Amino acid sequence: AKQFAIALKLSEDEERDMISINLARILIQTGKYEEAV
């Protein structure tokens, strides 16, 4: 989640969607459902 969060901060528009979904999937695994939504 930390790696995806750093990537999301540095990402441009074309990469943001992909990284957002990857981070959301991790947040689901860790029980942070509202943040994933």
Full PDB file with SEQRES, HELIX, SHEET, SSBOND, CRYST1, ORIGX, SCALE, CONECT and MASTER records, all heavy atoms in Angstrom:
SEQRES   1 A   37  ALA LYS GLN PHE ALA ILE ALA LEU LYS LEU SER GLU ASP          
SEQRES   2 A   37  GLU GLU ARG ASP MET ILE SER ILE ASN LEU ALA ARG ILE          
SEQRES   3 A   37  LEU ILE GLN THR GLY LYS TYR GLU GLU ALA VAL                  
HELIX    1 AA1 LYS A    2  LEU A   10  1                                   9    
HELIX    2 AA2 ASP A   13  GLN A   29  1                                  17    
HELIX    3 AA3 TYR A   33  ALA A   36  1                                   4    
CRYST1    1.000    1.000    1.000  90.00  90.00  90.00 P 1           1          
ORIGX1      1.000000  0.000000  0.000000        0.00000                         
ORIGX2      0.000000  1.000000  0.000000        0.00000                         
ORIGX3      0.000000  0.000000  1.000000        0.00000                         
SCALE1      1.000000  0.000000  0.000000        0.00000                         
SCALE2      0.000000  1.000000  0.000000        0.00000                         
SCALE3      0.000000  0.000000  1.000000        0.00000                         
ATOM      1  N   ALA A   1       0.837  -1.214   0.000  1.00  0.00           N  
ATOM      2  CA  ALA A   1       0.000   0.000   0.000  1.00  0.00           C  
ATOM      3  C   ALA A   1       0.870   1.261   0.000  1.00  0.00           C  
ATOM      4  O   ALA A   1       0.560   2.250  -0.686  1.00  0.00           O  
ATOM      5  CB  ALA A   1      -0.924  -0.003   1.209  1.00  0.00           C  
ATOM      6  N   LYS A   2       1.982   1.226   0.749  1.00  0.00           N  
ATOM      7  CA  LYS A   2       2.887   2.388   0.777  1.00  0.00           C  
ATOM      8  C   LYS A   2       3.490   2.651  -0.603  1.00  0.00           C  
ATOM      9  O   LYS A   2       3.582   3.800  -1.050  1.00  0.00           O  
ATOM     10  CB  LYS A   2       4.009   2.152   1.792  1.00  0.00           C  
ATOM     11  CG  LYS A   2       3.559   2.228   3.250  1.00  0.00           C  
ATOM     12  CD  LYS A   2       4.714   1.921   4.191  1.00  0.00           C  
ATOM     13  CE  LYS A   2       4.241   1.892   5.642  1.00  0.00           C  
ATOM     14  NZ  LYS A   2       5.322   1.478   6.567  1.00  0.00           N  
ATOM     15  N   GLN A   3       3.892   1.580  -1.287  1.00  0.00           N  
ATOM     16  CA  GLN A   3       4.483   1.736  -2.618  1.00  0.00           C  
ATOM     17  C   GLN A   3       3.465   2.308  -3.604  1.00  0.00           C  
ATOM     18  O   GLN A   3       3.770   3.208  -4.384  1.00  0.00           O  
ATOM     19  CB  GLN A   3       5.021   0.397  -3.133  1.00  0.00           C  
ATOM     20  CG  GLN A   3       6.144  -0.198  -2.306  1.00  0.00           C  
ATOM     21  CD  GLN A   3       7.384   0.670  -2.305  1.00  0.00           C  
ATOM     22  OE1 GLN A   3       7.489   1.613  -1.535  1.00  0.00           O  
ATOM     23  NE2 GLN A   3       8.327   0.373  -3.172  1.00  0.00           N  
ATOM     24  N   PHE A   4       2.234   1.767  -3.562  1.00  0.00           N  
ATOM     25  CA  PHE A   4       1.194   2.272  -4.463  1.00  0.00           C  
ATOM     26  C   PHE A   4       0.852   3.729  -4.144  1.00  0.00           C  
ATOM     27  O   PHE A   4       0.599   4.528  -5.047  1.00  0.00           O  
ATOM     28  CB  PHE A   4      -0.067   1.408  -4.362  1.00  0.00           C  
ATOM     29  CG  PHE A   4       0.052   0.060  -5.018  1.00  0.00           C  
ATOM     30  CD1 PHE A   4      -0.384  -1.088  -4.374  1.00  0.00           C  
ATOM     31  CD2 PHE A   4       0.583  -0.064  -6.285  1.00  0.00           C  
ATOM     32  CE1 PHE A   4      -0.295  -2.332  -4.972  1.00  0.00           C  
ATOM     33  CE2 PHE A   4       0.695  -1.308  -6.903  1.00  0.00           C  
ATOM     34  CZ  PHE A   4       0.249  -2.436  -6.245  1.00  0.00           C  
ATOM     35  N   ALA A   5       0.830   4.070  -2.856  1.00  0.00           N  
ATOM     36  CA  ALA A   5       0.496   5.448  -2.450  1.00  0.00           C  
ATOM     37  C   ALA A   5       1.554   6.434  -2.963  1.00  0.00           C  
ATOM     38  O   ALA A   5       1.220   7.519  -3.460  1.00  0.00           O  
ATOM     39  CB  ALA A   5       0.374   5.529  -0.935  1.00  0.00           C  
ATOM     40  N   ILE A   6       2.841   6.058  -2.864  1.00  0.00           N  
ATOM     41  CA  ILE A   6       3.914   6.929  -3.376  1.00  0.00           C  
ATOM     42  C   ILE A   6       3.792   7.061  -4.900  1.00  0.00           C  
ATOM     43  O   ILE A   6       3.912   8.156  -5.463  1.00  0.00           O  
ATOM     44  CB  ILE A   6       5.304   6.364  -2.996  1.00  0.00           C  
ATOM     45  CG1 ILE A   6       5.477   6.340  -1.475  1.00  0.00           C  
ATOM     46  CG2 ILE A   6       6.415   7.190  -3.641  1.00  0.00           C  
ATOM     47  CD1 ILE A   6       6.683   5.546  -1.006  1.00  0.00           C  
ATOM     48  N   ALA A   7       3.541   5.922  -5.568  1.00  0.00           N  
ATOM     49  CA  ALA A   7       3.383   5.949  -7.036  1.00  0.00           C  
ATOM     50  C   ALA A   7       2.215   6.844  -7.442  1.00  0.00           C  
ATOM     51  O   ALA A   7       2.299   7.584  -8.431  1.00  0.00           O  
ATOM     52  CB  ALA A   7       3.169   4.528  -7.558  1.00  0.00           C  
ATOM     53  N   LEU A   8       1.133   6.789  -6.668  1.00  0.00           N  
ATOM     54  CA  LEU A   8      -0.048   7.601  -6.987  1.00  0.00           C  
ATOM     55  C   LEU A   8       0.259   9.098  -6.876  1.00  0.00           C  
ATOM     56  O   LEU A   8      -0.183   9.905  -7.701  1.00  0.00           O  
ATOM     57  CB  LEU A   8      -1.196   7.220  -6.041  1.00  0.00           C  
ATOM     58  CG  LEU A   8      -2.593   7.728  -6.406  1.00  0.00           C  
ATOM     59  CD1 LEU A   8      -3.014   7.219  -7.777  1.00  0.00           C  
ATOM     60  CD2 LEU A   8      -3.603   7.307  -5.353  1.00  0.00           C  
ATOM     61  N   LYS A   9       1.046   9.478  -5.881  1.00  0.00           N  
ATOM     62  CA  LYS A   9       1.414  10.893  -5.714  1.00  0.00           C  
ATOM     63  C   LYS A   9       2.275  11.382  -6.875  1.00  0.00           C  
ATOM     64  O   LYS A   9       2.177  12.541  -7.288  1.00  0.00           O  
ATOM     65  CB  LYS A   9       2.189  11.086  -4.405  1.00  0.00           C  
ATOM     66  CG  LYS A   9       1.319  11.037  -3.154  1.00  0.00           C  
ATOM     67  CD  LYS A   9       2.170  11.240  -1.910  1.00  0.00           C  
ATOM     68  CE  LYS A   9       1.325  11.110  -0.646  1.00  0.00           C  
ATOM     69  NZ  LYS A   9       2.154  11.222   0.579  1.00  0.00           N  
ATOM     70  N   LEU A  10       3.130  10.499  -7.394  1.00  0.00           N  
ATOM     71  CA  LEU A  10       4.062  10.896  -8.457  1.00  0.00           C  
ATOM     72  C   LEU A  10       3.486  10.727  -9.856  1.00  0.00           C  
ATOM     73  O   LEU A  10       4.078  11.195 -10.832  1.00  0.00           O  
ATOM     74  CB  LEU A  10       5.342  10.056  -8.362  1.00  0.00           C  
ATOM     75  CG  LEU A  10       6.159  10.197  -7.075  1.00  0.00           C  
ATOM     76  CD1 LEU A  10       7.246   9.129  -7.032  1.00  0.00           C  
ATOM     77  CD2 LEU A  10       6.781  11.584  -6.983  1.00  0.00           C  
ATOM     78  N   SER A  11       2.344  10.068  -9.977  1.00  0.00           N  
ATOM     79  CA  SER A  11       1.845   9.651 -11.288  1.00  0.00           C  
ATOM     80  C   SER A  11       1.212  10.797 -12.069  1.00  0.00           C  
ATOM     81  O   SER A  11       0.712  11.763 -11.495  1.00  0.00           O  
ATOM     82  CB  SER A  11       0.827   8.520 -11.128  1.00  0.00           C  
ATOM     83  OG  SER A  11      -0.288   8.973 -10.382  1.00  0.00           O  
ATOM     84  N   GLU A  12       1.232  10.631 -13.382  1.00  0.00           N  
ATOM     85  CA  GLU A  12       0.534  11.541 -14.291  1.00  0.00           C  
ATOM     86  C   GLU A  12      -0.878  11.005 -14.529  1.00  0.00           C  
ATOM     87  O   GLU A  12      -1.236   9.930 -14.061  1.00  0.00           O  
ATOM     88  CB  GLU A  12       1.288  11.636 -15.624  1.00  0.00           C  
ATOM     89  CG  GLU A  12       2.731  12.091 -15.492  1.00  0.00           C  
ATOM     90  CD  GLU A  12       2.844  13.551 -15.065  1.00  0.00           C  
ATOM     91  OE1 GLU A  12       1.880  14.308 -15.287  1.00  0.00           O  
ATOM     92  OE2 GLU A  12       3.898  13.921 -14.496  1.00  0.00           O  
ATOM     93  N   ASP A  13      -1.666  11.743 -15.312  1.00  0.00           N  
ATOM     94  CA  ASP A  13      -3.071  11.370 -15.531  1.00  0.00           C  
ATOM     95  C   ASP A  13      -3.221   9.978 -16.124  1.00  0.00           C  
ATOM     96  O   ASP A  13      -4.095   9.212 -15.737  1.00  0.00           O  
ATOM     97  CB  ASP A  13      -3.746  12.399 -16.458  1.00  0.00           C  
ATOM     98  CG  ASP A  13      -3.983  13.719 -15.726  1.00  0.00           C  
ATOM     99  OD1 ASP A  13      -3.957  13.705 -14.479  1.00  0.00           O  
ATOM    100  OD2 ASP A  13      -4.175  14.745 -16.395  1.00  0.00           O  
ATOM    101  N   GLU A  14      -2.356   9.626 -17.086  1.00  0.00           N  
ATOM    102  CA  GLU A  14      -2.512   8.362 -17.801  1.00  0.00           C  
ATOM    103  C   GLU A  14      -2.240   7.146 -16.920  1.00  0.00           C  
ATOM    104  O   GLU A  14      -2.688   6.041 -17.217  1.00  0.00           O  
ATOM    105  CB  GLU A  14      -1.586   8.336 -19.016  1.00  0.00           C  
ATOM    106  CG  GLU A  14      -0.111   8.465 -18.657  1.00  0.00           C  
ATOM    107  CD  GLU A  14       0.765   8.737 -19.876  1.00  0.00           C  
ATOM    108  OE1 GLU A  14       0.295   9.391 -20.815  1.00  0.00           O  
ATOM    109  OE2 GLU A  14       1.920   8.296 -19.849  1.00  0.00           O  
ATOM    110  N   GLU A  15      -1.505   7.330 -15.821  1.00  0.00           N  
ATOM    111  CA  GLU A  15      -1.180   6.193 -14.945  1.00  0.00           C  
ATOM    112  C   GLU A  15      -2.064   6.140 -13.700  1.00  0.00           C  
ATOM    113  O   GLU A  15      -2.130   5.108 -13.033  1.00  0.00           O  
ATOM    114  CB  GLU A  15       0.285   6.292 -14.487  1.00  0.00           C  
ATOM    115  CG  GLU A  15       1.289   6.354 -15.614  1.00  0.00           C  
ATOM    116  CD  GLU A  15       2.345   7.430 -15.384  1.00  0.00           C  
ATOM    117  OE1 GLU A  15       2.322   8.060 -14.310  1.00  0.00           O  
ATOM    118  OE2 GLU A  15       3.158   7.658 -16.285  1.00  0.00           O  
ATOM    119  N   ARG A  16      -2.726   7.240 -13.374  1.00  0.00           N  
ATOM    120  CA  ARG A  16      -3.427   7.338 -12.087  1.00  0.00           C  
ATOM    121  C   ARG A  16      -4.516   6.281 -11.920  1.00  0.00           C  
ATOM    122  O   ARG A  16      -4.677   5.712 -10.835  1.00  0.00           O  
ATOM    123  CB  ARG A  16      -4.029   8.731 -11.911  1.00  0.00           C  
ATOM    124  CG  ARG A  16      -3.003   9.822 -11.673  1.00  0.00           C  
ATOM    125  CD  ARG A  16      -3.678  11.133 -11.311  1.00  0.00           C  
ATOM    126  NE  ARG A  16      -4.254  11.068  -9.972  1.00  0.00           N  
ATOM    127  CZ  ARG A  16      -3.578  11.239  -8.852  1.00  0.00           C  
ATOM    128  NH1 ARG A  16      -2.267  11.482  -8.897  1.00  0.00           N  
ATOM    129  NH2 ARG A  16      -4.169  11.185  -7.688  1.00  0.00           N  
ATOM    130  N   ASP A  17      -5.273   6.034 -12.986  1.00  0.00           N  
ATOM    131  CA  ASP A  17      -6.377   5.074 -12.880  1.00  0.00           C  
ATOM    132  C   ASP A  17      -5.874   3.685 -12.517  1.00  0.00           C  
ATOM    133  O   ASP A  17      -6.410   3.025 -11.613  1.00  0.00           O  
ATOM    134  CB  ASP A  17      -7.154   5.012 -14.199  1.00  0.00           C  
ATOM    135  CG  ASP A  17      -8.017   6.253 -14.414  1.00  0.00           C  
ATOM    136  OD1 ASP A  17      -8.080   7.096 -13.496  1.00  0.00           O  
ATOM    137  OD2 ASP A  17      -8.621   6.379 -15.491  1.00  0.00           O  
ATOM    138  N   MET A  18      -4.817   3.238 -13.219  1.00  0.00           N  
ATOM    139  CA  MET A  18      -4.260   1.908 -12.968  1.00  0.00           C  
ATOM    140  C   MET A  18      -3.763   1.775 -11.524  1.00  0.00           C  
ATOM    141  O   MET A  18      -4.071   0.796 -10.827  1.00  0.00           O  
ATOM    142  CB  MET A  18      -3.110   1.652 -13.942  1.00  0.00           C  
ATOM    143  CG  MET A  18      -2.274   0.426 -13.659  1.00  0.00           C  
ATOM    144  SD  MET A  18      -0.822   0.325 -14.722  1.00  0.00           S  
ATOM    145  CE  MET A  18       0.183   1.674 -14.100  1.00  0.00           C  
ATOM    146  N   ILE A  19      -3.006   2.777 -11.063  1.00  0.00           N  
ATOM    147  CA  ILE A  19      -2.438   2.706  -9.712  1.00  0.00           C  
ATOM    148  C   ILE A  19      -3.535   2.828  -8.655  1.00  0.00           C  
ATOM    149  O   ILE A  19      -3.483   2.176  -7.609  1.00  0.00           O  
ATOM    150  CB  ILE A  19      -1.362   3.795  -9.534  1.00  0.00           C  
ATOM    151  CG1 ILE A  19      -0.225   3.565 -10.539  1.00  0.00           C  
ATOM    152  CG2 ILE A  19      -0.799   3.787  -8.116  1.00  0.00           C  
ATOM    153  CD1 ILE A  19       0.736   4.728 -10.667  1.00  0.00           C  
ATOM    154  N   SER A  20      -4.559   3.653  -8.925  1.00  0.00           N  
ATOM    155  CA  SER A  20      -5.677   3.800  -7.981  1.00  0.00           C  
ATOM    156  C   SER A  20      -6.372   2.463  -7.750  1.00  0.00           C  
ATOM    157  O   SER A  20      -6.697   2.110  -6.610  1.00  0.00           O  
ATOM    158  CB  SER A  20      -6.692   4.818  -8.515  1.00  0.00           C  
ATOM    159  OG  SER A  20      -6.130   6.105  -8.576  1.00  0.00           O  
ATOM    160  N   ILE A  21      -6.583   1.715  -8.827  1.00  0.00           N  
ATOM    161  CA  ILE A  21      -7.249   0.410  -8.699  1.00  0.00           C  
ATOM    162  C   ILE A  21      -6.365  -0.572  -7.925  1.00  0.00           C  
ATOM    163  O   ILE A  21      -6.839  -1.336  -7.076  1.00  0.00           O  
ATOM    164  CB  ILE A  21      -7.613  -0.151 -10.091  1.00  0.00           C  
ATOM    165  CG1 ILE A  21      -8.688   0.724 -10.740  1.00  0.00           C  
ATOM    166  CG2 ILE A  21      -8.090  -1.581 -10.003  1.00  0.00           C  
ATOM    167  CD1 ILE A  21      -9.953   0.858  -9.939  1.00  0.00           C  
ATOM    168  N   ASN A  22      -5.051  -0.543  -8.197  1.00  0.00           N  
ATOM    169  CA  ASN A  22      -4.141  -1.434  -7.459  1.00  0.00           C  
ATOM    170  C   ASN A  22      -4.155  -1.119  -5.965  1.00  0.00           C  
ATOM    171  O   ASN A  22      -4.194  -2.023  -5.125  1.00  0.00           O  
ATOM    172  CB  ASN A  22      -2.715  -1.292  -8.006  1.00  0.00           C  
ATOM    173  CG  ASN A  22      -2.550  -1.945  -9.364  1.00  0.00           C  
ATOM    174  OD1 ASN A  22      -3.337  -2.797  -9.744  1.00  0.00           O  
ATOM    175  ND2 ASN A  22      -1.552  -1.532 -10.109  1.00  0.00           N  
ATOM    176  N   LEU A  23      -4.134   0.179  -5.631  1.00  0.00           N  
ATOM    177  CA  LEU A  23      -4.166   0.577  -4.222  1.00  0.00           C  
ATOM    178  C   LEU A  23      -5.510   0.219  -3.596  1.00  0.00           C  
ATOM    179  O   LEU A  23      -5.564  -0.242  -2.445  1.00  0.00           O  
ATOM    180  CB  LEU A  23      -3.898   2.082  -4.102  1.00  0.00           C  
ATOM    181  CG  LEU A  23      -3.899   2.670  -2.684  1.00  0.00           C  
ATOM    182  CD1 LEU A  23      -2.940   1.918  -1.766  1.00  0.00           C  
ATOM    183  CD2 LEU A  23      -3.540   4.160  -2.715  1.00  0.00           C  
ATOM    184  N   ALA A  24      -6.598   0.407  -4.336  1.00  0.00           N  
ATOM    185  CA  ALA A  24      -7.931   0.056  -3.819  1.00  0.00           C  
ATOM    186  C   ALA A  24      -8.012  -1.433  -3.489  1.00  0.00           C  
ATOM    187  O   ALA A  24      -8.597  -1.831  -2.468  1.00  0.00           O  
ATOM    188  CB  ALA A  24      -9.002   0.426  -4.841  1.00  0.00           C  
ATOM    189  N   ARG A  25      -7.408  -2.264  -4.331  1.00  0.00           N  
ATOM    190  CA  ARG A  25      -7.436  -3.714  -4.094  1.00  0.00           C  
ATOM    191  C   ARG A  25      -6.718  -4.068  -2.792  1.00  0.00           C  
ATOM    192  O   ARG A  25      -7.158  -4.928  -2.028  1.00  0.00           O  
ATOM    193  CB  ARG A  25      -6.797  -4.429  -5.280  1.00  0.00           C  
ATOM    194  CG  ARG A  25      -6.948  -5.930  -5.252  1.00  0.00           C  
ATOM    195  CD  ARG A  25      -6.483  -6.578  -6.531  1.00  0.00           C  
ATOM    196  NE  ARG A  25      -5.083  -6.294  -6.814  1.00  0.00           N  
ATOM    197  CZ  ARG A  25      -4.656  -5.496  -7.767  1.00  0.00           C  
ATOM    198  NH1 ARG A  25      -5.502  -4.857  -8.549  1.00  0.00           N  
ATOM    199  NH2 ARG A  25      -3.365  -5.302  -7.973  1.00  0.00           N  
ATOM    200  N   ILE A  26      -5.605  -3.370  -2.509  1.00  0.00           N  
ATOM    201  CA  ILE A  26      -4.881  -3.594  -1.255  1.00  0.00           C  
ATOM    202  C   ILE A  26      -5.706  -3.116  -0.062  1.00  0.00           C  
ATOM    203  O   ILE A  26      -5.756  -3.773   0.982  1.00  0.00           O  
ATOM    204  CB  ILE A  26      -3.525  -2.853  -1.285  1.00  0.00           C  
ATOM    205  CG1 ILE A  26      -2.633  -3.406  -2.402  1.00  0.00           C  
ATOM    206  CG2 ILE A  26      -2.810  -2.966   0.062  1.00  0.00           C  
ATOM    207  CD1 ILE A  26      -2.203  -4.828  -2.218  1.00  0.00           C  
ATOM    208  N   LEU A  27      -6.360  -1.968  -0.205  1.00  0.00           N  
ATOM    209  CA  LEU A  27      -7.180  -1.435   0.890  1.00  0.00           C  
ATOM    210  C   LEU A  27      -8.341  -2.375   1.215  1.00  0.00           C  
ATOM    211  O   LEU A  27      -8.728  -2.509   2.381  1.00  0.00           O  
ATOM    212  CB  LEU A  27      -7.704  -0.040   0.519  1.00  0.00           C  
ATOM    213  CG  LEU A  27      -6.637   1.055   0.397  1.00  0.00           C  
ATOM    214  CD1 LEU A  27      -7.244   2.347  -0.125  1.00  0.00           C  
ATOM    215  CD2 LEU A  27      -5.941   1.295   1.732  1.00  0.00           C  
ATOM    216  N   ILE A  28      -8.873  -3.035   0.196  1.00  0.00           N  
ATOM    217  CA  ILE A  28      -9.921  -4.038   0.439  1.00  0.00           C  
ATOM    218  C   ILE A  28      -9.353  -5.177   1.279  1.00  0.00           C  
ATOM    219  O   ILE A  28      -9.988  -5.662   2.223  1.00  0.00           O  
ATOM    220  CB  ILE A  28     -10.494  -4.563  -0.894  1.00  0.00           C  
ATOM    221  CG1 ILE A  28     -11.295  -3.462  -1.605  1.00  0.00           C  
ATOM    222  CG2 ILE A  28     -11.389  -5.777  -0.661  1.00  0.00           C  
ATOM    223  CD1 ILE A  28     -11.693  -3.805  -3.035  1.00  0.00           C  
ATOM    224  N   GLN A  29      -8.128  -5.595   0.957  1.00  0.00           N  
ATOM    225  CA  GLN A  29      -7.490  -6.696   1.697  1.00  0.00           C  
ATOM    226  C   GLN A  29      -7.235  -6.321   3.155  1.00  0.00           C  
ATOM    227  O   GLN A  29      -7.283  -7.169   4.039  1.00  0.00           O  
ATOM    228  CB  GLN A  29      -6.155  -7.076   1.040  1.00  0.00           C  
ATOM    229  CG  GLN A  29      -6.290  -7.744  -0.313  1.00  0.00           C  
ATOM    230  CD  GLN A  29      -6.735  -9.182  -0.211  1.00  0.00           C  
ATOM    231  OE1 GLN A  29      -6.848  -9.741   0.863  1.00  0.00           O  
ATOM    232  NE2 GLN A  29      -7.026  -9.794  -1.354  1.00  0.00           N  
ATOM    233  N   THR A  30      -6.956  -5.032   3.399  1.00  0.00           N  
ATOM    234  CA  THR A  30      -6.630  -4.602   4.762  1.00  0.00           C  
ATOM    235  C   THR A  30      -7.841  -4.056   5.514  1.00  0.00           C  
ATOM    236  O   THR A  30      -7.696  -3.513   6.611  1.00  0.00           O  
ATOM    237  CB  THR A  30      -5.519  -3.531   4.734  1.00  0.00           C  
ATOM    238  OG1 THR A  30      -5.912  -2.457   3.867  1.00  0.00           O  
ATOM    239  CG2 THR A  30      -4.208  -4.125   4.230  1.00  0.00           C  
ATOM    240  N   GLY A  31      -9.029  -4.180   4.920  1.00  0.00           N  
ATOM    241  CA  GLY A  31     -10.252  -3.789   5.622  1.00  0.00           C  
ATOM    242  C   GLY A  31     -10.595  -2.313   5.576  1.00  0.00           C  
ATOM    243  O   GLY A  31     -11.509  -1.861   6.272  1.00  0.00           O  
ATOM    244  N   LYS A  32      -9.900  -1.536   4.743  1.00  0.00           N  
ATOM    245  CA  LYS A  32     -10.190  -0.094   4.632  1.00  0.00           C  
ATOM    246  C   LYS A  32     -11.134   0.131   3.445  1.00  0.00           C  
ATOM    247  O   LYS A  32     -10.769   0.671   2.408  1.00  0.00           O  
ATOM    248  CB  LYS A  32      -8.885   0.687   4.461  1.00  0.00           C  
ATOM    249  CG  LYS A  32      -7.953   0.533   5.668  1.00  0.00           C  
ATOM    250  CD  LYS A  32      -6.615   1.208   5.431  1.00  0.00           C  
ATOM    251  CE  LYS A  32      -5.687   1.005   6.629  1.00  0.00           C  
ATOM    252  NZ  LYS A  32      -4.335   1.553   6.403  1.00  0.00           N  
ATOM    253  N   TYR A  33     -12.384  -0.298   3.648  1.00  0.00           N  
ATOM    254  CA  TYR A  33     -13.326  -0.357   2.540  1.00  0.00           C  
ATOM    255  C   TYR A  33     -13.771   1.020   2.054  1.00  0.00           C  
ATOM    256  O   TYR A  33     -13.907   1.244   0.851  1.00  0.00           O  
ATOM    257  CB  TYR A  33     -14.542  -1.199   2.937  1.00  0.00           C  
ATOM    258  CG  TYR A  33     -14.175  -2.563   3.464  1.00  0.00           C  
ATOM    259  CD1 TYR A  33     -14.654  -3.026   4.689  1.00  0.00           C  
ATOM    260  CD2 TYR A  33     -13.317  -3.396   2.736  1.00  0.00           C  
ATOM    261  CE1 TYR A  33     -14.310  -4.276   5.177  1.00  0.00           C  
ATOM    262  CE2 TYR A  33     -12.961  -4.652   3.220  1.00  0.00           C  
ATOM    263  CZ  TYR A  33     -13.459  -5.084   4.448  1.00  0.00           C  
ATOM    264  OH  TYR A  33     -13.107  -6.320   4.921  1.00  0.00           O  
ATOM    265  N   GLU A  34     -14.005   1.951   2.971  1.00  0.00           N  
ATOM    266  CA  GLU A  34     -14.462   3.288   2.584  1.00  0.00           C  
ATOM    267  C   GLU A  34     -13.400   4.007   1.749  1.00  0.00           C  
ATOM    268  O   GLU A  34     -13.717   4.692   0.773  1.00  0.00           O  
ATOM    269  CB  GLU A  34     -14.815   4.121   3.827  1.00  0.00           C  
ATOM    270  CG  GLU A  34     -15.949   3.553   4.673  1.00  0.00           C  
ATOM    271  CD  GLU A  34     -17.282   3.556   3.936  1.00  0.00           C  
ATOM    272  OE1 GLU A  34     -17.405   4.303   2.936  1.00  0.00           O  
ATOM    273  OE2 GLU A  34     -18.198   2.815   4.341  1.00  0.00           O  
ATOM    274  N   GLU A  35     -12.130   3.840   2.144  1.00  0.00           N  
ATOM    275  CA  GLU A  35     -11.040   4.448   1.370  1.00  0.00           C  
ATOM    276  C   GLU A  35     -10.956   3.826  -0.027  1.00  0.00           C  
ATOM    277  O   GLU A  35     -10.690   4.521  -1.013  1.00  0.00           O  
ATOM    278  CB  GLU A  35      -9.714   4.267   2.100  1.00  0.00           C  
ATOM    279  CG  GLU A  35      -9.601   5.064   3.393  1.00  0.00           C  
ATOM    280  CD  GLU A  35      -8.269   4.815   4.103  1.00  0.00           C  
ATOM    281  OE1 GLU A  35      -7.243   4.715   3.395  1.00  0.00           O  
ATOM    282  OE2 GLU A  35      -8.261   4.730   5.344  1.00  0.00           O  
ATOM    283  N   ALA A  36     -11.192   2.506  -0.089  1.00  0.00           N  
ATOM    284  CA  ALA A  36     -11.169   1.823  -1.391  1.00  0.00           C  
ATOM    285  C   ALA A  36     -12.292   2.338  -2.290  1.00  0.00           C  
ATOM    286  O   ALA A  36     -12.087   2.567  -3.492  1.00  0.00           O  
ATOM    287  CB  ALA A  36     -11.308   0.314  -1.184  1.00  0.00           C  
ATOM    288  N   VAL A  37     -13.475   2.558  -1.712  1.00  0.00           N  
ATOM    289  CA  VAL A  37     -14.607   3.100  -2.478  1.00  0.00           C  
ATOM    290  C   VAL A  37     -14.253   4.473  -3.034  1.00  0.00           C  
ATOM    291  O   VAL A  37     -14.476   4.770  -4.217  1.00  0.00           O  
ATOM    292  CB  VAL A  37     -15.875   3.184  -1.593  1.00  0.00           C  
ATOM    293  CG1 VAL A  37     -16.976   3.957  -2.309  1.00  0.00           C  
ATOM    294  CG2 VAL A  37     -16.368   1.787  -1.227  1.00  0.00           C  
TER     295      VAL A  37                                                      
MASTER        0    0    0    3    0    0    0    6  294    1    0    3          
END                                                                             
